[in-house]
N, C-alpha and C. Protein backbone atom coordinates (compact mmCIF):
# COMPACT_ATOMS: atom_id res chain seq x y z
N MET A 1 29.08 -23.57 -27.96
CA MET A 1 29.62 -24.49 -28.96
C MET A 1 28.95 -24.46 -30.25
N THR A 2 29.72 -24.30 -31.24
CA THR A 2 28.92 -24.26 -32.49
C THR A 2 29.26 -25.55 -33.23
N ARG A 3 28.23 -26.27 -33.87
CA ARG A 3 28.44 -27.47 -34.58
C ARG A 3 28.89 -27.18 -36.18
N ILE A 4 29.85 -27.92 -36.40
CA ILE A 4 30.24 -27.88 -37.74
C ILE A 4 29.15 -28.08 -38.84
N CYS A 5 28.79 -27.25 -39.76
CA CYS A 5 27.77 -27.51 -40.78
C CYS A 5 28.24 -28.44 -41.81
N THR A 6 28.07 -29.61 -41.92
CA THR A 6 28.44 -30.56 -42.85
C THR A 6 27.24 -31.53 -43.33
N LYS A 7 27.41 -32.02 -44.54
CA LYS A 7 26.55 -32.70 -44.89
C LYS A 7 26.55 -34.28 -44.19
N GLU A 8 27.86 -34.57 -43.70
CA GLU A 8 27.74 -35.77 -42.77
C GLU A 8 27.11 -35.60 -41.57
N ASN A 9 27.22 -34.48 -40.76
CA ASN A 9 26.47 -34.11 -39.93
C ASN A 9 24.96 -34.25 -40.05
N ILE A 10 24.27 -33.88 -41.16
CA ILE A 10 22.98 -33.70 -41.53
C ILE A 10 22.49 -35.41 -41.47
N TYR A 11 23.49 -36.09 -42.28
CA TYR A 11 23.16 -37.74 -42.29
C TYR A 11 22.94 -38.21 -41.01
N LYS A 12 24.03 -38.03 -40.09
CA LYS A 12 24.31 -38.46 -38.80
C LYS A 12 22.71 -38.16 -37.93
N GLN A 13 22.23 -36.89 -38.08
CA GLN A 13 21.30 -36.36 -37.12
C GLN A 13 19.94 -37.10 -37.82
N ALA A 14 19.94 -37.02 -39.13
CA ALA A 14 18.79 -37.23 -39.71
C ALA A 14 18.63 -38.92 -39.43
N THR A 15 19.47 -39.80 -39.67
CA THR A 15 19.40 -40.97 -39.21
C THR A 15 18.82 -41.32 -38.09
N LYS A 16 19.48 -40.65 -37.08
CA LYS A 16 18.92 -40.90 -35.53
C LYS A 16 17.40 -40.49 -35.47
N LEU A 17 17.09 -39.31 -36.03
CA LEU A 17 15.66 -38.77 -36.04
C LEU A 17 14.50 -39.76 -36.68
N PHE A 18 14.99 -40.13 -37.85
CA PHE A 18 14.05 -41.04 -38.63
C PHE A 18 14.00 -42.25 -37.96
N VAL A 19 14.89 -42.63 -37.37
CA VAL A 19 14.61 -43.93 -36.70
C VAL A 19 13.51 -43.70 -35.32
N LYS A 20 13.76 -42.76 -34.77
CA LYS A 20 13.18 -42.44 -33.52
C LYS A 20 11.68 -42.08 -33.95
N ARG A 21 11.55 -41.25 -34.94
CA ARG A 21 10.20 -40.72 -35.17
C ARG A 21 9.64 -41.05 -36.58
N GLY A 22 10.46 -41.80 -37.41
CA GLY A 22 9.83 -42.12 -38.65
C GLY A 22 10.25 -41.08 -39.74
N PHE A 23 9.68 -41.41 -41.02
CA PHE A 23 10.11 -40.69 -41.86
C PHE A 23 9.20 -39.31 -42.03
N SER A 24 8.08 -39.19 -41.02
CA SER A 24 7.36 -38.01 -41.13
C SER A 24 7.74 -36.85 -40.43
N ALA A 25 9.10 -37.16 -39.73
CA ALA A 25 9.77 -35.98 -39.06
C ALA A 25 9.94 -34.84 -39.71
N PRO A 26 9.68 -33.62 -39.57
CA PRO A 26 10.05 -32.57 -40.49
C PRO A 26 11.21 -31.90 -40.68
N VAL A 27 11.64 -31.25 -41.76
CA VAL A 27 12.83 -30.87 -41.96
C VAL A 27 13.33 -29.96 -41.03
N ASN A 28 12.41 -29.02 -40.33
CA ASN A 28 12.75 -28.21 -39.32
C ASN A 28 13.33 -28.98 -38.12
N GLU A 29 13.00 -30.01 -37.78
CA GLU A 29 13.50 -30.93 -36.80
C GLU A 29 14.75 -31.36 -37.21
N VAL A 30 14.92 -31.89 -38.47
CA VAL A 30 16.30 -32.25 -38.98
C VAL A 30 17.30 -31.32 -38.87
N VAL A 31 17.07 -30.10 -39.29
CA VAL A 31 18.13 -28.93 -39.21
C VAL A 31 18.41 -28.44 -37.80
N LYS A 32 17.31 -28.54 -37.04
CA LYS A 32 17.64 -28.15 -35.57
C LYS A 32 18.53 -29.25 -34.97
N LYS A 33 18.57 -30.57 -35.13
CA LYS A 33 19.15 -31.45 -34.42
C LYS A 33 20.50 -31.40 -35.07
N ALA A 34 20.60 -31.07 -36.60
CA ALA A 34 21.99 -31.01 -36.94
C ALA A 34 22.62 -29.65 -36.92
N GLY A 35 21.95 -28.79 -36.26
CA GLY A 35 22.68 -27.48 -35.80
C GLY A 35 22.94 -26.62 -37.11
N VAL A 36 22.14 -26.76 -38.28
CA VAL A 36 22.38 -26.07 -39.59
C VAL A 36 21.17 -25.20 -39.78
N ALA A 37 21.30 -24.28 -40.78
CA ALA A 37 20.16 -23.38 -41.12
C ALA A 37 19.49 -24.12 -42.13
N LYS A 38 18.19 -23.84 -42.42
CA LYS A 38 17.48 -24.34 -43.28
C LYS A 38 18.05 -24.28 -44.76
N GLY A 39 18.46 -23.24 -44.92
CA GLY A 39 18.93 -23.08 -46.21
C GLY A 39 20.08 -23.80 -46.46
N THR A 40 20.99 -24.14 -45.58
CA THR A 40 22.10 -25.23 -45.81
C THR A 40 21.60 -26.62 -46.01
N PHE A 41 20.44 -26.95 -45.34
CA PHE A 41 19.82 -28.09 -45.80
C PHE A 41 19.40 -28.22 -47.37
N TYR A 42 18.93 -27.08 -47.78
CA TYR A 42 18.22 -27.07 -49.08
C TYR A 42 19.63 -26.70 -50.19
N HIS A 43 20.58 -26.42 -49.72
CA HIS A 43 21.83 -26.32 -50.21
C HIS A 43 22.34 -27.91 -50.68
N TYR A 44 22.34 -28.82 -49.83
CA TYR A 44 22.60 -30.10 -50.08
C TYR A 44 21.42 -30.95 -50.62
N PHE A 45 20.37 -30.74 -50.30
CA PHE A 45 19.10 -31.51 -50.67
C PHE A 45 18.00 -30.70 -51.28
N LYS A 46 17.35 -31.12 -52.36
CA LYS A 46 16.20 -30.58 -52.84
C LYS A 46 15.00 -30.55 -52.11
N SER A 47 14.88 -31.74 -51.31
CA SER A 47 13.80 -32.25 -50.63
C SER A 47 14.05 -33.21 -49.29
N LYS A 48 13.17 -33.42 -48.35
CA LYS A 48 13.45 -34.25 -47.36
C LYS A 48 13.30 -35.65 -47.99
N ASP A 49 12.69 -36.01 -49.18
CA ASP A 49 12.44 -37.15 -49.62
C ASP A 49 13.89 -37.52 -50.44
N GLU A 50 14.44 -36.60 -51.23
CA GLU A 50 15.87 -36.80 -51.69
C GLU A 50 16.82 -37.08 -50.58
N LEU A 51 16.66 -36.60 -49.27
CA LEU A 51 17.63 -36.83 -48.13
C LEU A 51 17.60 -38.21 -47.63
N ILE A 52 16.20 -38.59 -47.72
CA ILE A 52 15.75 -40.15 -47.13
C ILE A 52 16.48 -41.27 -48.16
N VAL A 53 16.18 -40.81 -49.60
CA VAL A 53 16.76 -41.89 -50.40
C VAL A 53 18.29 -41.73 -50.58
N GLU A 54 18.94 -40.60 -50.35
CA GLU A 54 20.17 -40.52 -50.46
C GLU A 54 21.03 -41.10 -49.13
N LEU A 55 20.38 -40.87 -48.20
CA LEU A 55 20.92 -41.46 -46.80
C LEU A 55 21.04 -43.13 -46.89
N TYR A 56 19.88 -43.57 -47.37
CA TYR A 56 20.06 -45.15 -47.71
C TYR A 56 21.22 -45.51 -48.63
N LYS A 57 21.43 -44.59 -49.80
CA LYS A 57 22.46 -45.26 -50.72
C LYS A 57 23.73 -44.78 -49.93
N VAL A 58 23.98 -44.00 -49.19
CA VAL A 58 25.24 -43.65 -48.59
C VAL A 58 25.48 -44.87 -47.52
N LEU A 59 24.48 -45.28 -46.89
CA LEU A 59 24.66 -46.27 -45.88
C LEU A 59 24.92 -47.74 -46.60
N MET A 60 24.33 -47.94 -47.56
CA MET A 60 24.70 -49.11 -48.48
C MET A 60 26.06 -49.21 -48.94
N PHE A 61 26.36 -48.01 -49.47
CA PHE A 61 27.79 -47.94 -49.94
C PHE A 61 28.96 -48.07 -48.93
N GLU A 62 28.44 -47.44 -47.69
CA GLU A 62 29.34 -47.66 -46.61
C GLU A 62 29.54 -49.09 -46.03
N ILE A 63 28.55 -49.90 -46.10
CA ILE A 63 28.65 -51.20 -46.02
C ILE A 63 29.41 -51.92 -46.98
N GLU A 64 29.21 -51.72 -48.31
CA GLU A 64 30.03 -52.26 -49.40
C GLU A 64 31.51 -51.75 -49.18
N ASN A 65 31.89 -50.68 -48.81
CA ASN A 65 33.07 -50.35 -48.60
C ASN A 65 33.99 -50.99 -47.50
N ASN A 66 33.14 -51.33 -46.45
CA ASN A 66 33.72 -51.58 -44.96
C ASN A 66 33.66 -52.97 -45.11
N CYS A 67 32.81 -53.76 -45.64
CA CYS A 67 32.47 -55.26 -45.45
C CYS A 67 32.70 -56.12 -46.56
N VAL A 68 32.55 -55.67 -47.92
CA VAL A 68 32.71 -56.56 -49.00
C VAL A 68 34.14 -56.60 -49.39
N THR A 69 34.76 -57.62 -49.63
CA THR A 69 36.15 -57.83 -50.03
C THR A 69 36.02 -58.54 -51.44
N GLU A 70 37.27 -58.27 -52.10
CA GLU A 70 37.22 -59.17 -53.52
C GLU A 70 37.51 -60.51 -53.09
N TYR A 71 36.78 -61.18 -54.18
CA TYR A 71 36.94 -62.62 -53.95
C TYR A 71 38.40 -63.37 -54.37
N ARG A 72 39.06 -63.90 -53.46
CA ARG A 72 40.23 -64.15 -53.69
C ARG A 72 40.80 -65.68 -53.94
N GLY A 73 39.76 -66.48 -54.35
CA GLY A 73 39.86 -67.73 -54.57
C GLY A 73 39.43 -68.79 -53.36
N GLU A 74 39.23 -68.22 -52.20
CA GLU A 74 38.78 -69.09 -51.15
C GLU A 74 37.38 -69.87 -51.49
N SER A 75 37.23 -70.77 -50.70
CA SER A 75 35.66 -71.41 -51.03
C SER A 75 34.64 -70.33 -51.15
N ALA A 76 33.69 -70.62 -51.79
CA ALA A 76 32.57 -69.72 -51.80
C ALA A 76 31.95 -69.62 -50.44
N ARG A 77 31.83 -70.87 -49.65
CA ARG A 77 31.37 -70.96 -48.40
C ARG A 77 32.06 -69.96 -47.43
N GLU A 78 33.46 -70.14 -47.49
CA GLU A 78 34.34 -69.14 -46.68
C GLU A 78 34.35 -67.85 -46.97
N TYR A 79 34.03 -67.42 -48.13
CA TYR A 79 34.03 -66.14 -48.68
C TYR A 79 32.78 -65.34 -48.32
N SER A 80 31.84 -66.23 -48.46
CA SER A 80 30.15 -65.82 -48.12
C SER A 80 30.21 -65.53 -46.73
N PHE A 81 30.76 -66.42 -45.75
CA PHE A 81 30.81 -66.52 -44.55
C PHE A 81 31.48 -65.18 -43.86
N ASN A 82 32.75 -64.82 -44.40
CA ASN A 82 33.48 -63.84 -44.03
C ASN A 82 32.85 -62.31 -44.44
N VAL A 83 32.23 -62.29 -45.66
CA VAL A 83 31.47 -61.10 -46.14
C VAL A 83 30.21 -60.80 -45.20
N PHE A 84 29.35 -61.97 -45.19
CA PHE A 84 28.07 -61.80 -44.22
C PHE A 84 28.32 -61.58 -42.86
N GLY A 85 29.37 -62.25 -42.43
CA GLY A 85 29.80 -61.92 -40.99
C GLY A 85 30.14 -60.59 -40.79
N ALA A 86 30.95 -59.86 -41.71
CA ALA A 86 31.22 -58.51 -41.65
C ALA A 86 30.15 -57.53 -41.66
N ILE A 87 29.18 -57.85 -42.74
CA ILE A 87 27.91 -57.04 -42.70
C ILE A 87 27.00 -57.21 -41.50
N VAL A 88 26.95 -58.38 -40.97
CA VAL A 88 26.02 -58.59 -39.72
C VAL A 88 26.84 -57.81 -38.51
N LYS A 89 28.17 -57.92 -38.44
CA LYS A 89 28.92 -57.22 -37.43
C LYS A 89 28.72 -55.93 -37.39
N TRP A 90 28.84 -55.24 -38.57
CA TRP A 90 28.70 -53.70 -39.12
C TRP A 90 27.12 -53.52 -38.38
N PHE A 91 26.09 -54.26 -38.76
CA PHE A 91 24.64 -53.93 -38.34
C PHE A 91 24.82 -53.84 -36.96
N ILE A 92 25.29 -54.72 -36.09
CA ILE A 92 25.29 -54.78 -34.65
C ILE A 92 26.12 -53.82 -33.99
N THR A 93 27.07 -53.29 -34.85
CA THR A 93 27.91 -52.30 -34.34
C THR A 93 27.32 -50.98 -34.50
N HIS A 94 26.51 -50.74 -35.59
CA HIS A 94 25.86 -49.38 -35.74
C HIS A 94 24.23 -49.59 -35.79
N PRO A 95 23.68 -49.82 -34.63
CA PRO A 95 22.32 -50.13 -34.59
C PRO A 95 21.18 -49.25 -35.06
N HIS A 96 21.74 -47.83 -35.22
CA HIS A 96 20.95 -46.91 -35.81
C HIS A 96 20.85 -46.86 -36.95
N LYS A 97 22.19 -47.02 -37.66
CA LYS A 97 22.20 -47.01 -38.93
C LYS A 97 21.37 -48.50 -39.57
N PHE A 98 21.58 -49.46 -38.86
CA PHE A 98 20.94 -50.69 -39.21
C PHE A 98 19.48 -50.50 -39.33
N ASN A 99 19.01 -49.77 -37.92
CA ASN A 99 17.57 -49.62 -37.93
C ASN A 99 16.70 -48.66 -39.16
N TYR A 100 17.80 -47.78 -39.55
CA TYR A 100 17.31 -46.99 -40.76
C TYR A 100 17.19 -47.59 -41.84
N ILE A 101 18.20 -48.68 -42.33
CA ILE A 101 18.21 -49.27 -43.23
C ILE A 101 16.88 -50.35 -43.36
N VAL A 102 16.64 -50.75 -42.13
CA VAL A 102 15.25 -51.62 -42.19
C VAL A 102 14.08 -50.95 -42.31
N ILE A 103 14.15 -49.78 -41.65
CA ILE A 103 12.76 -48.92 -41.81
C ILE A 103 12.77 -48.54 -43.38
N PHE A 104 13.79 -48.09 -44.01
CA PHE A 104 13.80 -47.72 -45.45
C PHE A 104 13.29 -48.94 -46.21
N GLU A 105 13.74 -50.02 -46.02
CA GLU A 105 13.59 -51.15 -46.94
C GLU A 105 12.22 -51.89 -46.83
N THR A 106 11.51 -51.45 -45.63
CA THR A 106 10.15 -51.74 -45.31
C THR A 106 9.21 -50.54 -45.56
N SER A 107 9.63 -49.53 -46.32
CA SER A 107 8.76 -48.37 -46.47
C SER A 107 8.52 -48.29 -47.98
N PRO A 108 7.59 -47.31 -48.44
CA PRO A 108 7.48 -47.32 -49.99
C PRO A 108 8.71 -46.61 -50.76
N TYR A 109 9.60 -46.11 -49.89
CA TYR A 109 10.90 -45.38 -50.53
C TYR A 109 11.63 -46.41 -51.26
N ILE A 110 11.55 -47.63 -50.77
CA ILE A 110 12.47 -48.69 -51.55
C ILE A 110 12.19 -48.66 -53.19
N LYS A 111 10.72 -48.62 -53.23
CA LYS A 111 10.38 -48.64 -54.63
C LYS A 111 10.97 -47.82 -55.50
N GLU A 112 11.38 -46.39 -54.86
CA GLU A 112 12.27 -45.46 -55.71
C GLU A 112 13.79 -45.86 -55.97
N VAL A 113 14.27 -46.67 -55.07
CA VAL A 113 15.49 -47.22 -55.38
C VAL A 113 15.86 -48.50 -56.09
N VAL A 114 15.00 -49.38 -55.72
CA VAL A 114 15.15 -50.95 -56.28
C VAL A 114 14.80 -50.79 -57.94
N GLY A 115 15.68 -51.04 -58.68
CA GLY A 115 15.29 -51.04 -59.99
C GLY A 115 15.54 -49.57 -60.80
N THR A 116 15.78 -48.59 -59.97
CA THR A 116 15.89 -47.29 -60.60
C THR A 116 17.07 -46.92 -60.30
N VAL A 117 18.02 -47.24 -59.10
CA VAL A 117 19.34 -46.82 -59.05
C VAL A 117 20.02 -47.98 -58.91
N ASP A 118 20.62 -48.21 -60.15
CA ASP A 118 21.28 -49.30 -60.27
C ASP A 118 22.68 -49.48 -59.53
N GLU A 119 23.22 -48.34 -58.98
CA GLU A 119 24.58 -48.55 -58.17
C GLU A 119 24.21 -49.25 -56.91
N THR A 120 22.93 -49.32 -56.40
CA THR A 120 22.65 -49.71 -55.06
C THR A 120 22.66 -51.32 -55.19
N LEU A 121 22.46 -51.85 -56.24
CA LEU A 121 22.58 -53.42 -56.17
C LEU A 121 23.68 -53.92 -57.18
N LYS A 122 24.44 -53.16 -57.95
CA LYS A 122 25.37 -53.54 -58.93
C LYS A 122 26.60 -54.38 -58.14
N GLY A 123 27.08 -53.96 -57.13
CA GLY A 123 28.00 -54.85 -56.47
C GLY A 123 27.57 -55.93 -55.85
N PRO A 124 26.32 -56.12 -55.12
CA PRO A 124 25.65 -57.35 -54.74
C PRO A 124 25.35 -58.16 -55.90
N LEU A 125 24.63 -57.79 -57.02
CA LEU A 125 24.35 -58.59 -58.18
C LEU A 125 25.53 -59.07 -58.70
N ALA A 126 26.71 -58.16 -58.96
CA ALA A 126 27.70 -58.80 -59.55
C ALA A 126 28.49 -60.05 -58.76
N ASN A 127 28.34 -59.64 -57.50
CA ASN A 127 28.97 -60.79 -56.59
C ASN A 127 28.27 -62.12 -56.70
N THR A 128 26.86 -62.06 -56.69
CA THR A 128 26.03 -63.09 -56.64
C THR A 128 26.36 -63.84 -58.06
N MET A 129 26.26 -62.80 -59.13
CA MET A 129 26.55 -63.56 -60.45
C MET A 129 27.79 -64.35 -60.59
N LYS A 130 28.69 -63.76 -60.05
CA LYS A 130 30.03 -64.58 -60.28
C LYS A 130 29.93 -65.86 -59.46
N LYS A 131 29.19 -65.80 -58.40
CA LYS A 131 29.10 -67.28 -57.55
C LYS A 131 28.22 -68.12 -58.42
N VAL A 132 26.93 -67.69 -58.96
CA VAL A 132 26.43 -68.56 -59.80
C VAL A 132 26.89 -69.13 -60.99
N ASP A 133 27.85 -68.44 -61.68
CA ASP A 133 28.57 -68.66 -62.72
C ASP A 133 29.52 -69.65 -62.55
N MET A 134 30.12 -69.62 -61.24
CA MET A 134 31.31 -70.72 -60.96
C MET A 134 30.39 -71.76 -60.45
N GLY A 135 29.37 -72.03 -60.39
CA GLY A 135 28.68 -73.22 -59.93
C GLY A 135 28.52 -73.15 -58.41
N MET A 136 28.79 -72.23 -57.70
CA MET A 136 29.07 -72.50 -56.19
C MET A 136 27.40 -72.14 -55.74
N LEU A 137 26.57 -71.44 -56.40
CA LEU A 137 25.37 -71.15 -55.92
C LEU A 137 24.27 -71.81 -56.84
N LYS A 138 23.01 -72.18 -56.25
CA LYS A 138 22.08 -72.55 -57.09
C LYS A 138 21.84 -71.68 -58.19
N ALA A 139 21.28 -72.15 -59.41
CA ALA A 139 21.05 -71.18 -60.52
C ALA A 139 19.61 -70.51 -60.28
N TYR A 140 19.41 -69.86 -59.09
CA TYR A 140 18.00 -69.05 -59.16
C TYR A 140 18.43 -67.86 -59.78
N PRO A 141 17.48 -67.01 -60.04
CA PRO A 141 17.58 -65.72 -60.50
C PRO A 141 18.69 -64.84 -59.53
N PRO A 142 19.55 -64.34 -60.21
CA PRO A 142 20.37 -63.41 -59.07
C PRO A 142 19.85 -62.49 -58.34
N GLU A 143 18.90 -61.93 -58.89
CA GLU A 143 18.14 -60.73 -57.96
C GLU A 143 17.40 -61.12 -56.64
N MET A 144 17.02 -62.69 -56.93
CA MET A 144 16.38 -63.36 -55.94
C MET A 144 17.42 -63.69 -54.96
N ILE A 145 18.33 -64.31 -55.24
CA ILE A 145 19.47 -64.56 -54.43
C ILE A 145 19.87 -63.38 -53.47
N THR A 146 19.97 -62.26 -54.45
CA THR A 146 20.55 -61.03 -53.70
C THR A 146 19.59 -60.55 -52.74
N PHE A 147 18.36 -60.63 -53.05
CA PHE A 147 17.40 -60.21 -52.00
C PHE A 147 17.48 -61.07 -50.77
N PHE A 148 17.55 -62.43 -51.06
CA PHE A 148 17.70 -63.58 -50.09
C PHE A 148 18.85 -63.08 -49.06
N ASP A 149 19.96 -62.79 -49.70
CA ASP A 149 21.26 -62.43 -49.04
C ASP A 149 20.76 -61.20 -48.05
N PHE A 150 20.20 -60.27 -48.73
CA PHE A 150 19.80 -58.93 -47.79
C PHE A 150 18.97 -59.36 -46.75
N SER A 151 18.08 -60.21 -47.09
CA SER A 151 17.00 -60.61 -45.85
C SER A 151 18.00 -61.49 -44.84
N PHE A 152 18.82 -62.39 -45.29
CA PHE A 152 19.38 -63.11 -44.24
C PHE A 152 20.40 -62.17 -43.51
N THR A 153 21.05 -61.28 -44.00
CA THR A 153 21.99 -60.35 -43.11
C THR A 153 21.01 -59.64 -42.18
N ARG A 154 19.99 -59.08 -42.68
CA ARG A 154 18.96 -58.21 -41.49
C ARG A 154 18.41 -59.24 -40.60
N ALA A 155 18.12 -60.34 -40.95
CA ALA A 155 17.51 -61.33 -39.95
C ALA A 155 18.43 -61.78 -39.00
N ALA A 156 19.77 -61.98 -39.55
CA ALA A 156 20.72 -62.42 -38.56
C ALA A 156 21.11 -61.18 -37.48
N ALA A 157 21.08 -59.98 -37.96
CA ALA A 157 21.43 -58.85 -37.05
C ALA A 157 20.36 -58.64 -36.12
N ASN A 158 19.17 -58.78 -36.42
CA ASN A 158 17.99 -58.69 -35.63
C ASN A 158 18.07 -59.79 -34.45
N TYR A 159 18.32 -60.96 -34.88
CA TYR A 159 18.56 -62.10 -34.03
C TYR A 159 19.58 -61.55 -32.93
N PHE A 160 20.87 -61.19 -33.38
CA PHE A 160 21.94 -60.88 -32.31
C PHE A 160 21.64 -59.74 -31.52
N LEU A 161 20.79 -58.84 -32.19
CA LEU A 161 20.57 -57.45 -31.47
C LEU A 161 19.46 -57.79 -30.40
N SER A 162 18.90 -58.82 -30.48
CA SER A 162 17.63 -59.31 -29.34
C SER A 162 18.36 -59.84 -28.14
N PHE A 163 19.55 -59.84 -28.15
CA PHE A 163 20.35 -60.44 -26.93
C PHE A 163 20.96 -59.21 -26.14
N THR A 164 21.09 -59.35 -24.87
CA THR A 164 21.75 -58.25 -24.13
C THR A 164 23.35 -57.83 -24.65
N ASN A 165 23.91 -58.94 -24.99
CA ASN A 165 25.28 -58.80 -25.59
C ASN A 165 25.57 -59.23 -26.89
N PRO A 166 25.02 -58.42 -28.18
CA PRO A 166 24.93 -58.78 -29.41
C PRO A 166 26.16 -59.32 -29.93
N LYS A 167 27.32 -58.41 -29.74
CA LYS A 167 28.64 -59.06 -30.13
C LYS A 167 28.99 -60.37 -29.68
N GLN A 168 28.70 -60.53 -28.27
CA GLN A 168 29.37 -61.75 -27.64
C GLN A 168 28.43 -62.82 -28.43
N CYS A 169 27.15 -62.76 -28.51
CA CYS A 169 26.23 -63.82 -29.27
C CYS A 169 26.70 -63.93 -30.66
N PHE A 170 27.11 -62.75 -31.26
CA PHE A 170 27.43 -62.98 -32.74
C PHE A 170 28.76 -63.86 -32.68
N GLU A 171 29.67 -63.59 -31.90
CA GLU A 171 30.91 -64.56 -31.69
C GLU A 171 30.69 -65.93 -31.52
N GLU A 172 29.49 -66.18 -30.71
CA GLU A 172 29.25 -67.70 -30.24
C GLU A 172 28.69 -68.42 -31.27
N ARG A 173 27.67 -67.66 -32.13
CA ARG A 173 26.48 -68.37 -32.90
C ARG A 173 26.75 -67.97 -34.31
N PHE A 174 27.39 -67.11 -34.67
CA PHE A 174 27.42 -66.73 -36.19
C PHE A 174 27.45 -67.73 -37.25
N ARG A 175 28.42 -68.83 -36.92
CA ARG A 175 28.71 -69.91 -37.84
C ARG A 175 27.40 -70.68 -37.81
N MET A 176 26.66 -70.89 -36.82
CA MET A 176 25.44 -71.69 -36.77
C MET A 176 24.32 -71.10 -37.74
N VAL A 177 24.27 -69.66 -37.31
CA VAL A 177 23.14 -69.03 -38.25
C VAL A 177 23.74 -68.92 -39.64
N PHE A 178 24.89 -68.78 -39.95
CA PHE A 178 25.31 -69.11 -41.49
C PHE A 178 25.07 -70.13 -42.01
N ASP A 179 25.14 -71.29 -41.17
CA ASP A 179 25.00 -72.70 -41.79
C ASP A 179 23.52 -72.74 -42.12
N MET A 180 22.70 -72.26 -41.43
CA MET A 180 21.04 -72.31 -42.02
C MET A 180 20.91 -71.47 -43.31
N TYR A 181 21.69 -70.21 -43.46
CA TYR A 181 21.56 -69.59 -44.87
C TYR A 181 22.36 -70.68 -45.82
N TRP A 182 23.53 -70.98 -45.75
CA TRP A 182 24.20 -71.80 -46.70
C TRP A 182 23.48 -72.81 -47.09
N ASP A 183 22.84 -73.45 -46.32
CA ASP A 183 22.02 -74.87 -46.79
C ASP A 183 20.95 -74.62 -47.67
N GLY A 184 20.51 -73.27 -47.48
CA GLY A 184 19.40 -72.98 -48.51
C GLY A 184 19.84 -72.47 -49.95
N VAL A 185 21.17 -71.99 -49.96
CA VAL A 185 21.60 -71.27 -51.27
C VAL A 185 22.70 -72.18 -52.13
N SER A 186 23.51 -72.80 -51.43
CA SER A 186 24.53 -73.56 -52.06
C SER A 186 24.44 -74.64 -52.67
N GLN A 187 25.22 -74.73 -53.61
CA GLN A 187 25.25 -75.99 -54.56
C GLN A 187 25.67 -77.45 -53.95
N ASP A 188 26.57 -77.18 -52.72
CA ASP A 188 26.87 -78.07 -52.00
C ASP A 188 25.92 -79.10 -51.26
């Protein structure tokens, strides 16, 4: 059985490998797991470091595309509840991807992305600014709120993943978990 040689397959296999072995896993192991030639890997990526950073961006855009909706006039609380609920649910539904994001965000690689790759924070910052400008959130620096939001979604996902049935726990307790977050950032 021959595997289809695609960039997406490299992403998928690299995600699993880096979660299991860390970023020190060699390119040879990535290409072996993905079932591609080393030349194919270097056709898509200049280096393993480029793959590591690009994979993070791909996952962040996947979350934004699947979880972040346009604000349609609902209360800021309900909008944030729905978006953050979708993000946390995505994390607990895709634990390998979630673990990759957490590993990346606690590694030195994050410094290569934050502040230098505008598109990774453009959506979240614009969303935060809109809510601050409308008086829905406390007027803290938007990047501070955005990082707090990121931390909240990751902490909530870790909390739910600590249970035997994370999805059931999410359904039963997300509103309570969200209330803890909302009390800290809202103007209410």
